[in-house]
Amino acid sequence: MKTLTEALFVLILSLSFAGVNVAQTQAPQAKLLITNALLLTMVQGQEKPFTGYIVVGNHETITAIGTGSPPSGLSATTTYNAAGKWIIPGFISAHSHLWQSAYRGLAPDKELDGWLTVLYVEHAPESKAEDFYWFTLDGALDHLRHGITGAFNFNYAPSDLGSSTGDQSFDRSELRAELKSGIRFVHSISIGQLGPKWSADQAIAYVKSFMDWTKTQPSSSRFLKTMLDGGGAYAENADQVRTEARIMRELGIGDEQHYLETAAEQVKERLVFPWFVESGISWRAASSAQV
């Protein structure tokens, strides 16, 4: 009897089957050719598994999926014989904190609020931006090893529990790690809590500056977009939520909120839900809640 590892081969290429049709012919050169695979594509009309092949082009995207053997004459830099193993689309994580893999096992006796205090107050501030490159890379590779090929990644910044100082070094280190890892990702950036020394205009300029910087980095189809790390539920007033909504409108990006995560804060957070309705965040693109 085959083991699960032998029976199931998850393709870790940060590739998507969505919208790919079964192909009859293909250009003669490719980066990767996988043959003799048991494919479950999840494409409409292909609900049943079938034995076939996959062609990956030089731009690291799937260019063809076909039944049976590949066309004669099709060559590739690398050919992999799946020997009847399953290949399925990679899983997608809609809410990850990749850097936190470095702290796995921390404070197991705490509930979420207590654990966050231990992590964000006692441990994370002791690490430098360069450390978070390695923390994030470790978390991304761990995702890939377990078949998660895409993630919405909430990144760490020293401003996560307070007002920002405009320091982008942590986000920049984490983005480099995301790019290095091979995972497909949304980079989520925190604007910190607004206050006397950190205004809405400064927060908007901060996000725009980071987005402009990302354009100077090596281009990658795996970098899907920048979005906001929503902190409105933790704010003292509605200005935080209004600012996030303004950034969404002006920069054309989305926002994922941390909301109703702990039992202790549910009553308080439900009371501020009108802020999200009034600002428009509750219906703008890609806004979601962690329940």
Protein backbone atom coordinates (compact mmCIF):
# COMPACT_ATOMS: atom_id res chain seq x y z
CA MET A 1 0.00 0.00 0.00
CA LYS A 2 1.38 3.39 -0.95
CA THR A 3 2.08 5.93 1.75
CA LEU A 4 0.45 9.36 1.57
CA THR A 5 3.75 10.86 0.43
CA GLU A 6 4.01 8.34 -2.39
CA ALA A 7 0.39 8.76 -3.43
CA LEU A 8 0.17 12.54 -3.32
CA PHE A 9 2.64 14.87 -4.96
CA VAL A 10 1.77 18.53 -4.45
CA LEU A 11 3.29 20.76 -7.06
CA ILE A 12 5.23 23.47 -5.26
CA LEU A 13 5.79 25.92 -8.08
CA SER A 14 3.62 28.83 -6.95
CA LEU A 15 1.51 28.16 -10.03
CA SER A 16 -2.24 28.22 -10.56
CA PHE A 17 -4.37 25.84 -12.61
CA ALA A 18 -7.24 28.36 -12.79
CA GLY A 19 -8.22 29.15 -16.33
CA VAL A 20 -5.77 26.70 -17.95
CA ASN A 21 -7.27 24.58 -20.71
CA VAL A 22 -6.19 21.16 -21.87
CA ALA A 23 -3.74 21.75 -24.74
CA GLN A 24 -3.00 19.68 -27.80
CA THR A 25 0.17 21.45 -28.98
CA GLN A 26 2.87 23.52 -27.33
CA ALA A 27 5.99 25.46 -28.23
CA PRO A 28 9.09 23.25 -28.43
CA GLN A 29 10.97 24.73 -25.50
CA ALA A 30 9.91 25.00 -21.84
CA LYS A 31 11.47 25.31 -18.41
CA LEU A 32 9.80 22.22 -16.94
CA LEU A 33 7.88 19.25 -18.32
CA ILE A 34 6.05 16.93 -15.93
CA THR A 35 4.87 13.66 -17.41
CA ASN A 36 2.83 10.66 -16.28
CA ALA A 37 1.02 12.60 -13.55
CA LEU A 38 -2.44 12.01 -12.10
CA LEU A 39 -3.88 15.52 -12.41
CA LEU A 40 -6.73 17.17 -10.55
CA THR A 41 -6.88 20.69 -11.98
CA MET A 42 -10.14 22.00 -10.46
CA VAL A 43 -10.84 23.69 -13.81
CA GLN A 44 -14.51 23.69 -14.79
CA GLY A 45 -15.15 20.65 -16.95
CA GLN A 46 -12.18 18.77 -15.51
CA GLU A 47 -13.73 17.61 -12.25
CA LYS A 48 -12.35 14.09 -12.59
CA PRO A 49 -8.63 13.24 -12.28
CA PHE A 50 -6.82 12.21 -15.44
CA THR A 51 -3.34 11.06 -16.36
CA GLY A 52 -1.39 13.62 -18.34
CA TYR A 53 1.38 16.18 -18.48
CA ILE A 54 2.12 19.78 -17.50
CA VAL A 55 4.32 22.28 -19.33
CA VAL A 56 5.86 25.20 -17.44
CA GLY A 57 7.19 28.05 -19.57
CA ASN A 58 10.32 30.07 -19.06
CA HIS A 59 8.35 32.70 -17.18
CA GLU A 60 7.43 30.08 -14.57
CA THR A 61 3.76 29.87 -15.43
CA ILE A 62 1.83 26.85 -16.66
CA THR A 63 1.50 27.08 -20.43
CA ALA A 64 -0.21 23.76 -21.13
CA ILE A 65 -1.93 20.84 -19.45
CA GLY A 66 -2.73 17.81 -21.58
CA THR A 67 -4.03 14.28 -21.35
CA GLY A 68 -1.78 11.33 -22.02
CA SER A 69 1.75 11.88 -23.27
CA PRO A 70 3.14 15.29 -24.30
CA PRO A 71 3.48 16.13 -28.00
CA SER A 72 6.46 14.56 -29.72
CA GLY A 73 9.33 16.97 -30.06
CA LEU A 74 8.44 18.95 -26.94
CA SER A 75 11.64 19.60 -25.00
CA ALA A 76 12.26 21.19 -21.63
CA THR A 77 15.20 22.20 -19.51
CA THR A 78 13.99 19.78 -16.82
CA THR A 79 11.71 16.77 -17.26
CA TYR A 80 10.12 15.12 -14.24
CA ASN A 81 8.35 11.77 -14.42
CA ALA A 82 5.63 11.90 -11.75
CA ALA A 83 5.20 8.12 -12.01
CA GLY A 84 1.48 8.26 -11.38
CA LYS A 85 1.64 10.56 -8.37
CA TRP A 86 -1.09 13.14 -7.78
CA ILE A 87 -0.55 16.77 -8.72
CA ILE A 88 -3.07 19.26 -7.40
CA PRO A 89 -3.21 23.07 -7.24
CA GLY A 90 -1.35 24.58 -4.30
CA PHE A 91 -3.36 25.70 -1.28
CA ILE A 92 -3.84 29.40 -0.58
CA SER A 93 -3.58 30.97 2.87
CA ALA A 94 -5.79 34.05 3.17
CA HIS A 95 -4.19 35.09 6.46
CA SER A 96 -0.55 34.38 7.33
CA HIS A 97 2.13 36.00 9.50
CA LEU A 98 5.12 34.28 7.91
CA TRP A 99 7.67 35.84 10.26
CA GLN A 100 5.98 34.29 13.29
CA SER A 101 7.27 30.85 12.33
CA ALA A 102 10.48 31.84 14.10
CA TYR A 103 8.53 31.98 17.37
CA ARG A 104 6.66 28.71 17.04
CA GLY A 105 6.04 27.17 20.46
CA LEU A 106 6.26 30.52 22.27
CA ALA A 107 3.97 30.95 25.30
CA PRO A 108 1.80 27.85 24.69
CA ASP A 109 0.04 28.41 28.02
CA LYS A 110 -1.37 31.78 26.92
CA GLU A 111 -4.58 32.69 25.13
CA LEU A 112 -4.28 34.98 22.12
CA ASP A 113 -4.08 38.30 24.01
CA GLY A 114 -1.40 37.00 26.37
CA TRP A 115 0.52 35.38 23.54
CA LEU A 116 0.49 38.62 21.54
CA THR A 117 1.93 40.49 24.52
CA VAL A 118 4.75 37.97 24.93
CA LEU A 119 5.50 38.05 21.20
CA TYR A 120 5.13 41.74 20.33
CA VAL A 121 6.29 43.31 23.60
CA GLU A 122 8.92 40.91 24.95
CA HIS A 123 10.45 39.14 21.95
CA ALA A 124 9.95 40.75 18.52
CA PRO A 125 11.40 44.16 19.50
CA GLU A 126 14.71 42.42 20.31
CA SER A 127 15.22 41.48 16.65
CA LYS A 128 16.51 43.64 13.81
CA ALA A 129 15.16 44.15 10.31
CA GLU A 130 17.70 41.69 8.91
CA ASP A 131 16.45 39.04 11.35
CA PHE A 132 12.98 39.42 9.93
CA TYR A 133 14.30 38.58 6.47
CA TRP A 134 15.25 35.14 7.79
CA PHE A 135 12.10 34.77 9.90
CA THR A 136 9.92 35.50 6.86
CA LEU A 137 11.93 33.27 4.55
CA ASP A 138 11.60 30.40 7.04
CA GLY A 139 7.84 30.87 7.25
CA ALA A 140 7.42 31.06 3.47
CA LEU A 141 9.48 27.92 2.86
CA ASP A 142 7.53 26.13 5.57
CA HIS A 143 4.30 27.05 3.78
CA LEU A 144 5.68 25.72 0.50
CA ARG A 145 6.84 22.48 2.08
CA HIS A 146 3.28 21.89 3.23
CA GLY A 147 1.65 22.63 -0.13
CA ILE A 148 0.65 26.27 0.51
CA THR A 149 1.84 28.11 -2.58
CA GLY A 150 0.10 31.47 -2.06
CA ALA A 151 -0.38 33.65 1.02
CA PHE A 152 -1.74 36.97 2.20
CA ASN A 153 1.19 37.86 4.44
CA PHE A 154 0.93 40.27 7.37
CA ASN A 155 4.41 41.67 7.91
CA TYR A 156 5.98 42.93 11.11
CA ALA A 157 6.88 46.54 11.76
CA PRO A 158 7.96 48.19 15.03
CA SER A 159 4.80 50.32 14.74
CA ASP A 160 2.46 47.33 15.05
CA LEU A 161 1.55 48.25 18.63
CA GLY A 162 1.99 51.99 18.41
CA SER A 163 2.68 55.06 16.32
CA SER A 164 4.93 54.68 13.29
CA THR A 165 8.30 56.35 12.92
CA GLY A 166 8.32 55.93 9.15
CA ASP A 167 10.91 53.13 9.29
CA GLN A 168 10.47 50.89 6.23
CA SER A 169 13.51 48.68 6.84
CA PHE A 170 11.48 45.81 8.29
CA ASP A 171 8.93 45.75 5.46
CA ARG A 172 11.72 45.94 2.90
CA SER A 173 13.57 43.01 4.46
CA GLU A 174 10.39 40.96 4.59
CA LEU A 175 9.52 41.72 0.97
CA ARG A 176 12.98 40.57 -0.13
CA ALA A 177 12.40 37.31 1.73
CA GLU A 178 8.98 36.83 0.14
CA LEU A 179 10.53 37.32 -3.29
CA LYS A 180 13.42 34.97 -2.52
CA SER A 181 11.20 32.16 -1.23
CA GLY A 182 9.20 31.46 -4.40
CA ILE A 183 5.80 31.77 -2.75
CA ARG A 184 3.04 33.80 -4.42
CA PHE A 185 2.13 36.55 -1.99
CA VAL A 186 0.29 39.70 -1.09
CA HIS A 187 2.53 41.93 1.03
CA SER A 188 0.47 43.48 3.80
CA ILE A 189 1.82 46.68 5.36
CA SER A 190 0.83 48.30 8.65
CA ILE A 191 0.47 52.06 8.99
CA GLY A 192 0.70 51.96 12.79
CA GLN A 193 -1.65 53.82 15.09
CA LEU A 194 -2.39 57.45 14.27
CA GLY A 195 -1.54 60.01 16.93
CA PRO A 196 -0.07 63.47 17.60
CA LYS A 197 3.23 62.50 15.95
CA TRP A 198 1.81 60.37 13.12
CA SER A 199 -0.89 61.90 10.93
CA ALA A 200 -3.12 60.47 8.21
CA ASP A 201 -1.12 62.32 5.55
CA GLN A 202 2.12 60.83 6.88
CA ALA A 203 0.60 57.34 6.88
CA ILE A 204 -0.53 57.70 3.26
CA ALA A 205 2.87 59.01 2.19
CA TYR A 206 4.50 56.09 4.02
CA VAL A 207 2.51 53.46 2.13
CA LYS A 208 2.97 55.23 -1.21
CA SER A 209 6.72 55.49 -0.63
CA PHE A 210 6.92 51.76 0.08
CA MET A 211 4.88 50.91 -3.00
CA ASP A 212 7.18 53.12 -5.11
CA TRP A 213 10.19 51.30 -3.65
CA THR A 214 8.76 47.89 -4.57
CA LYS A 215 8.81 48.96 -8.21
CA THR A 216 12.60 49.22 -8.01
CA GLN A 217 12.90 45.57 -6.96
CA PRO A 218 13.29 42.61 -9.34
CA SER A 219 10.01 42.01 -11.14
CA SER A 220 8.19 38.82 -10.18
CA SER A 221 4.79 37.42 -11.09
CA ARG A 222 4.71 35.93 -7.59
CA PHE A 223 4.40 39.39 -6.02
CA LEU A 224 0.67 39.94 -6.44
CA LYS A 225 0.21 43.33 -4.76
CA THR A 226 0.61 45.45 -1.63
CA MET A 227 -2.35 45.74 0.73
CA LEU A 228 -3.05 47.12 4.19
CA ASP A 229 -2.71 45.34 7.51
CA GLY A 230 -5.98 46.57 8.99
CA GLY A 231 -5.84 47.74 12.61
CA GLY A 232 -9.07 49.65 12.87
CA ALA A 233 -10.64 47.39 15.48
CA TYR A 234 -7.80 48.22 17.89
CA ALA A 235 -8.03 52.00 17.43
CA GLU A 236 -9.29 54.53 19.96
CA ASN A 237 -11.45 56.36 17.41
CA ALA A 238 -12.72 56.19 13.86
CA ASP A 239 -9.85 58.24 12.40
CA GLN A 240 -7.77 55.08 11.98
CA VAL A 241 -10.46 53.37 9.92
CA ARG A 242 -11.15 56.51 7.87
CA THR A 243 -7.44 56.79 7.06
CA GLU A 244 -7.23 53.17 5.95
CA ALA A 245 -10.27 53.70 3.73
CA ARG A 246 -8.67 56.84 2.29
CA ILE A 247 -5.47 54.93 1.49
CA MET A 248 -7.53 52.25 -0.25
CA ARG A 249 -9.23 54.86 -2.42
CA GLU A 250 -6.19 56.99 -3.22
CA LEU A 251 -3.69 54.19 -3.81
CA GLY A 252 -6.11 51.60 -5.19
CA ILE A 253 -5.25 48.84 -2.73
CA GLY A 254 -7.19 46.51 -0.44
CA ASP A 255 -7.36 46.05 3.32
CA GLU A 256 -7.71 42.94 5.47
CA GLN A 257 -8.83 43.60 9.04
CA HIS A 258 -8.08 41.78 12.26
CA TYR A 259 -11.55 41.66 13.79
CA LEU A 260 -13.36 39.54 16.42
CA GLU A 261 -10.25 37.48 17.11
CA THR A 262 -10.53 37.15 20.89
CA ALA A 263 -13.49 36.46 23.14
CA ALA A 264 -12.44 39.18 25.57
CA GLU A 265 -12.60 41.93 22.94
CA GLN A 266 -15.68 40.86 20.97
CA VAL A 267 -18.15 43.19 22.68
CA LYS A 268 -15.85 46.20 22.25
CA GLU A 269 -15.07 45.38 18.63
CA ARG A 270 -18.73 44.91 17.70
CA LEU A 271 -19.40 48.41 19.01
CA VAL A 272 -16.91 49.91 16.53
CA PHE A 273 -18.28 48.06 13.49
CA PRO A 274 -20.19 51.22 12.41
CA TRP A 275 -16.76 52.78 11.74
CA PHE A 276 -16.18 50.23 9.00
CA VAL A 277 -19.63 50.82 7.49
CA GLU A 278 -19.32 54.61 7.57
CA SER A 279 -15.81 54.60 6.06
CA GLY A 280 -16.70 52.13 3.32
CA ILE A 281 -14.12 49.52 4.35
CA SER A 282 -16.85 46.95 5.01
CA TRP A 283 -17.67 46.74 1.31
CA ARG A 284 -14.49 47.83 -0.48
CA ALA A 285 -12.46 45.24 -2.32
CA ALA A 286 -10.61 42.55 -0.37
CA SER A 287 -11.72 43.60 3.10
CA SER A 288 -12.27 40.58 5.34
CA ALA A 289 -12.54 39.60 8.98
CA GLN A 290 -10.73 37.00 11.01
CA VAL A 291 -13.45 35.37 13.12
